[in-house]
Structures are given as C-alpha cells and as structure tokens.
Amino acid sequence: MDAPSTRGLKGVFTGVQAVLRGLGRITAERRLRRLALLPILLTLLLYGAVIAGAVVWVDDLVRYVVPQPASGELRLGWYVLLALAYVVTGFGLLVVFISAVNVIAGPFYDSIAESILDEQGAAKDPLPLARAVLVELGWSLTIAPVALFLSVLAFLPVVGIGFAILNALLIGLALATSAIAPALSATGHAYRQRWRMWRAAPALMIGIALPMSLSALVPVLGLIILPAGVVGATEALARAGLLVKR
C-alpha cells in the first residue's frame, strides 16, 4: 500500500479519512471495540460530572459578573450572554476533560496503537510506564491551564470573541495530539515529538483535528471519536513513515 500524502490539501484529506476509517474500524471490529469500551464508560462518568458542574456554576458566575437587569432589552442581552457563557465554558472544560480522560484511558489507547502498529509492521519501542505517565501529565498541564485562561478571557466584551476562537483552535490541537500520542509513546517518542509532528506534517494534523473537533461537540459521537482517532492516526502515521526515530 502506497504511503499517504501528508502535505497540502491532500494531507488534510488524508487526516480526515484516517479518522473516519478509524471510526469504521472501532464500530466493526470486536477486538478494537472491546479496548475502546472501558475508557468510553469512564468518559461517560466524567462527562456527566463536567456538565453538572458547568450547569451549577456558570449561571452563578454570570449573575455575579453581570447582574441580571430587571426588564427590557438589557434583560434579553443578559440571556444571550448567559447562553454564550455556557458555550465558551463548554469549550474550555472540553479541553480539560480531554486531558483528564487521556491520563485515565492512556493504557487502553496504548494497546490500540500497539495493535495497529503490529498490523503495519512498524517497529515498537514503548516508553517506560512511569515516563509515559509523566509525559501525559506534562502535556495535560501544558494545555489545560491555557484552555481555562482563554475561557475566562472569552467573557470579556467584544474582544472575548477572539479568545473564544483561540479556545476552539486549542481544542482541535488537543484532540489531534491526543490521537497521535499513543503511537508516539509506543515508538519511543516523548513530549517534544508531539509538537514536532505539527511541524513535520501540519496538513495531516489539521485533517485529523477537523472531524475530531466537530464530533466532540456531539455527546455520543464525541465519546467514540477519541479511540477512533487513535486507530486512524496511528495507521496514517505508520504508513507515512512519520514514527521512525531520526
């Protein structure tokens, strides 16, 4: 099978197709579905906790920062602000949520990646467990505080829209990097290689990020898209020769 294109528009299409192919394999293959099931169940519990927490405190925060007007057009504007606050907070919490899930589900996703690498005949050199956990925690601590900071700044009048857009881009970066992380870990690559992959194959990474970002906004599909991204991204990176240590 020919190596997939990772550059330009073709690279973007390769990334999109990789995630969709991974989604198809997760739903069709019992072995992969079993590896993905437990993390999904754990994710459901965390997902419920995150949503419940957001519902409880976002309303109180908006009321504290901008008191609800008694009547008139200002009151309508206040409800619009409340709706926007829920959306912005949802984006921020989604990144934090993804980081937490990656730490919990990491061993399962690593097993999925190693299985795909075996299929592709790619050489494996897994990071020691302790180092792999530290790498994942380090990545989470890099992304999560920035996401929360952007979420807070998104509440600012007018300029907040720009911070909300930055937060959405950060979600795409976090999701795509989560998809390639198990393959990198299984082939002996650590923290820096996650950033280097964005420089080495930016079009491919954008293609991976697009369907994952959109799917993450759909509750049920969002739960399946993480392991699906791992399957598709691992296969694409292995076929493109991007996992070879240089």
Protein backbone atom coordinates (compact mmCIF):
# COMPACT_ATOMS: atom_id res chain seq x y z
CA MET A 1 0.00 0.00 0.00
CA ASP A 2 1.39 3.40 -1.02
CA ALA A 3 2.35 5.91 1.65
CA PRO A 4 -0.41 8.51 2.14
CA SER A 5 0.16 12.16 1.28
CA THR A 6 0.79 14.38 4.33
CA ARG A 7 1.23 17.74 2.63
CA GLY A 8 -1.12 20.39 1.32
CA LEU A 9 -4.80 19.81 0.73
CA LYS A 10 -4.20 16.10 0.11
CA GLY A 11 -2.66 15.88 3.57
CA VAL A 12 -5.79 17.42 5.09
CA PHE A 13 -7.98 14.88 3.26
CA THR A 14 -5.66 12.09 4.43
CA GLY A 15 -6.17 13.18 8.04
CA VAL A 16 -9.95 13.37 7.70
CA GLN A 17 -10.11 9.98 6.01
CA ALA A 18 -7.86 8.46 8.68
CA VAL A 19 -10.26 9.43 11.49
CA LEU A 20 -13.30 8.22 9.53
CA ARG A 21 -11.53 4.95 8.78
CA GLY A 22 -10.69 4.59 12.47
CA LEU A 23 -14.32 5.20 13.38
CA GLY A 24 -15.37 2.48 10.96
CA ARG A 25 -12.89 0.02 12.44
CA ILE A 26 -13.91 0.77 16.03
CA THR A 27 -17.55 0.06 15.25
CA ALA A 28 -16.87 -3.01 13.07
CA GLU A 29 -14.02 -4.86 14.82
CA ARG A 30 -14.81 -6.54 18.13
CA ARG A 31 -11.20 -6.53 19.35
CA LEU A 32 -10.79 -2.78 18.93
CA ARG A 33 -14.28 -2.10 20.23
CA ARG A 34 -13.51 -4.01 23.41
CA LEU A 35 -10.34 -1.98 24.02
CA ALA A 36 -12.28 1.24 23.50
CA LEU A 37 -15.32 0.31 25.63
CA LEU A 38 -13.96 0.77 29.16
CA PRO A 39 -12.43 4.22 28.52
CA ILE A 40 -15.74 5.26 26.98
CA LEU A 41 -17.62 4.19 30.13
CA LEU A 42 -15.17 6.09 32.32
CA THR A 43 -15.52 9.05 29.98
CA LEU A 44 -19.30 8.96 30.37
CA LEU A 45 -18.96 9.35 34.13
CA LEU A 46 -16.55 12.26 33.78
CA TYR A 47 -18.70 13.80 31.04
CA GLY A 48 -21.73 13.81 33.34
CA ALA A 49 -19.73 15.35 36.17
CA VAL A 50 -18.35 18.09 33.90
CA ILE A 51 -21.79 19.00 32.53
CA ALA A 52 -23.34 19.03 36.01
CA GLY A 53 -20.57 21.27 37.31
CA ALA A 54 -20.90 23.68 34.38
CA VAL A 55 -24.67 23.99 34.83
CA VAL A 56 -24.25 24.75 38.54
CA TRP A 57 -21.54 27.42 38.45
CA VAL A 58 -21.78 29.16 35.06
CA ASP A 59 -25.16 30.73 35.87
CA ASP A 60 -23.89 31.95 39.25
CA LEU A 61 -20.72 33.37 37.67
CA VAL A 62 -22.63 35.35 35.05
CA ARG A 63 -25.02 36.70 37.69
CA TYR A 64 -22.05 37.79 39.80
CA VAL A 65 -20.13 39.47 36.95
CA VAL A 66 -23.17 40.97 35.19
CA PRO A 67 -26.25 41.31 37.46
CA GLN A 68 -29.50 40.38 35.71
CA PRO A 69 -31.43 43.51 34.59
CA ALA A 70 -35.00 43.88 35.81
CA SER A 71 -36.61 44.16 32.35
CA GLY A 72 -36.32 45.44 28.80
CA GLU A 73 -33.75 44.81 26.06
CA LEU A 74 -30.94 44.61 28.59
CA ARG A 75 -32.54 41.54 30.08
CA LEU A 76 -32.67 39.86 26.65
CA GLY A 77 -28.99 40.72 26.20
CA TRP A 78 -28.26 39.16 29.57
CA TYR A 79 -29.80 35.85 28.48
CA VAL A 80 -27.75 35.96 25.28
CA LEU A 81 -24.64 36.49 27.42
CA LEU A 82 -25.63 33.53 29.60
CA ALA A 83 -26.00 31.28 26.54
CA LEU A 84 -22.62 32.42 25.23
CA ALA A 85 -21.09 31.75 28.64
CA TYR A 86 -22.32 28.16 28.53
CA VAL A 87 -20.82 27.65 25.06
CA VAL A 88 -17.46 29.21 25.96
CA THR A 89 -17.26 27.30 29.24
CA GLY A 90 -18.12 24.13 27.40
CA PHE A 91 -15.14 24.62 25.07
CA GLY A 92 -12.78 25.25 27.96
CA LEU A 93 -13.99 22.32 30.03
CA LEU A 94 -13.81 20.08 26.97
CA VAL A 95 -10.05 20.58 26.76
CA VAL A 96 -9.62 19.93 30.49
CA PHE A 97 -11.89 16.92 30.14
CA ILE A 98 -9.84 15.54 27.21
CA SER A 99 -6.65 15.90 29.24
CA ALA A 100 -8.13 14.01 32.21
CA VAL A 101 -9.50 11.24 30.01
CA ASN A 102 -6.14 10.79 28.28
CA VAL A 103 -4.44 10.14 31.62
CA ILE A 104 -7.11 7.58 32.62
CA ALA A 105 -7.56 5.91 29.22
CA GLY A 106 -3.91 6.07 28.21
CA PRO A 107 -3.10 2.36 28.77
CA PHE A 108 -6.12 1.29 26.70
CA TYR A 109 -5.27 3.65 23.85
CA ASP A 110 -1.66 2.49 24.00
CA SER A 111 -2.88 -1.10 23.48
CA ILE A 112 -4.93 0.03 20.49
CA ALA A 113 -1.95 1.85 18.98
CA GLU A 114 0.39 -1.10 19.51
CA SER A 115 -2.13 -3.39 17.83
CA ILE A 116 -2.30 -1.12 14.78
CA LEU A 117 1.49 -0.81 14.66
CA ASP A 118 1.78 -4.60 14.62
CA GLU A 119 -0.60 -4.72 11.65
CA GLN A 120 1.54 -2.18 9.80
CA GLY A 121 4.80 -3.95 10.65
CA ALA A 122 6.12 -0.85 12.38
CA ALA A 123 8.93 -1.15 14.93
CA LYS A 124 7.90 -0.54 18.54
CA ASP A 125 9.99 0.86 21.37
CA PRO A 126 7.49 1.78 24.12
CA LEU A 127 8.35 4.40 26.69
CA PRO A 128 8.66 3.06 30.26
CA LEU A 129 5.29 3.28 32.02
CA ALA A 130 6.43 5.90 34.55
CA ARG A 131 7.85 8.14 31.83
CA ALA A 132 4.77 7.72 29.64
CA VAL A 133 2.54 8.82 32.53
CA LEU A 134 4.78 11.82 33.22
CA VAL A 135 4.68 12.81 29.54
CA GLU A 136 0.88 12.64 29.54
CA LEU A 137 0.64 14.66 32.75
CA GLY A 138 3.08 17.21 31.39
CA TRP A 139 1.04 17.58 28.23
CA SER A 140 -2.18 17.95 30.23
CA LEU A 141 -0.60 20.63 32.42
CA THR A 142 0.50 22.46 29.27
CA ILE A 143 -2.93 22.52 27.64
CA ALA A 144 -5.50 22.64 30.46
CA PRO A 145 -4.40 25.91 32.17
CA VAL A 146 -4.30 27.70 28.81
CA ALA A 147 -7.80 26.45 28.00
CA LEU A 148 -9.17 27.69 31.31
CA PHE A 149 -7.42 31.05 30.90
CA LEU A 150 -8.87 31.52 27.40
CA SER A 151 -12.31 30.54 28.70
CA VAL A 152 -12.15 33.29 31.32
CA LEU A 153 -10.91 35.88 28.78
CA ALA A 154 -13.73 34.89 26.41
CA PHE A 155 -16.17 36.55 28.85
CA LEU A 156 -14.68 39.98 28.06
CA PRO A 157 -16.96 42.21 25.97
CA VAL A 158 -16.18 42.35 22.21
CA VAL A 159 -12.58 41.04 22.38
CA GLY A 160 -13.87 37.89 24.09
CA ILE A 161 -14.93 36.53 20.70
CA GLY A 162 -11.30 36.37 19.64
CA PHE A 163 -10.35 34.42 22.76
CA ALA A 164 -13.28 32.04 22.17
CA ILE A 165 -11.94 31.35 18.66
CA LEU A 166 -8.46 30.71 20.07
CA ASN A 167 -10.01 28.29 22.52
CA ALA A 168 -11.74 26.41 19.69
CA LEU A 169 -8.39 26.12 17.86
CA LEU A 170 -6.80 24.83 21.05
CA ILE A 171 -9.44 22.11 21.21
CA GLY A 172 -8.50 20.97 17.71
CA LEU A 173 -4.83 20.90 18.66
CA ALA A 174 -5.54 18.95 21.85
CA LEU A 175 -7.75 16.37 20.13
CA ALA A 176 -5.40 15.74 17.20
CA THR A 177 -2.42 15.44 19.53
CA SER A 178 -4.36 13.04 21.75
CA ALA A 179 -4.96 10.88 18.69
CA ILE A 180 -1.25 10.59 17.81
CA ALA A 181 0.06 10.40 21.40
CA PRO A 182 -0.33 6.60 21.89
CA ALA A 183 1.51 5.88 18.64
CA LEU A 184 4.32 8.25 19.62
CA SER A 185 4.56 6.67 23.07
CA ALA A 186 4.60 3.14 21.60
CA THR A 187 7.51 4.06 19.32
CA GLY A 188 9.62 5.73 22.00
CA HIS A 189 8.76 9.37 21.29
CA ALA A 190 8.16 11.70 24.23
CA TYR A 191 6.80 15.20 24.87
CA ARG A 192 8.72 17.25 22.29
CA GLN A 193 7.77 14.94 19.44
CA ARG A 194 4.12 15.89 19.91
CA TRP A 195 4.97 19.46 18.90
CA ARG A 196 7.41 18.34 16.21
CA MET A 197 4.67 16.31 14.50
CA TRP A 198 2.72 19.52 13.97
CA ARG A 199 5.79 20.99 12.24
CA ALA A 200 6.55 17.82 10.25
CA ALA A 201 3.02 17.20 8.94
CA PRO A 202 0.77 20.20 9.70
CA ALA A 203 -1.76 19.43 6.94
CA LEU A 204 -2.22 15.85 8.15
CA MET A 205 -2.66 17.04 11.74
CA ILE A 206 -5.24 19.65 10.70
CA GLY A 207 -7.11 16.94 8.82
CA ILE A 208 -7.15 14.77 11.95
CA ALA A 209 -8.26 17.72 14.09
CA LEU A 210 -11.24 18.76 11.92
CA PRO A 211 -13.53 15.72 12.26
CA MET A 212 -12.46 15.12 15.85
CA SER A 213 -13.29 18.71 16.87
CA LEU A 214 -16.71 18.62 15.22
CA SER A 215 -17.52 15.16 16.56
CA ALA A 216 -16.51 16.12 20.10
CA LEU A 217 -19.45 18.55 20.18
CA VAL A 218 -21.89 15.62 19.70
CA PRO A 219 -22.12 13.83 23.09
CA VAL A 220 -22.26 10.17 21.96
CA LEU A 221 -20.07 10.54 18.88
CA GLY A 222 -17.63 12.58 20.92
CA LEU A 223 -17.01 9.61 23.17
CA ILE A 224 -16.17 7.27 20.29
CA ILE A 225 -14.06 9.72 18.32
CA LEU A 226 -11.05 9.61 20.67
CA PRO A 227 -10.26 5.88 20.21
CA ALA A 228 -11.29 6.16 16.55
CA GLY A 229 -8.77 8.95 16.13
CA VAL A 230 -6.10 6.80 17.76
CA VAL A 231 -6.77 3.96 15.30
CA GLY A 232 -6.83 6.18 12.22
CA ALA A 233 -3.93 8.44 13.19
CA THR A 234 -1.67 5.54 14.18
CA GLU A 235 -2.31 3.82 10.87
CA ALA A 236 -1.72 7.01 8.88
CA LEU A 237 1.50 7.92 10.71
CA ALA A 238 2.88 4.39 10.37
CA ARG A 239 2.12 4.23 6.63
CA ALA A 240 3.67 7.69 6.12
CA GLY A 241 6.86 6.68 7.95
CA LEU A 242 6.47 9.51 10.48
CA LEU A 243 7.04 7.29 13.52
CA VAL A 244 10.61 6.32 12.68
CA LYS A 245 13.16 7.78 15.09
CA ARG A 246 15.58 10.11 13.36
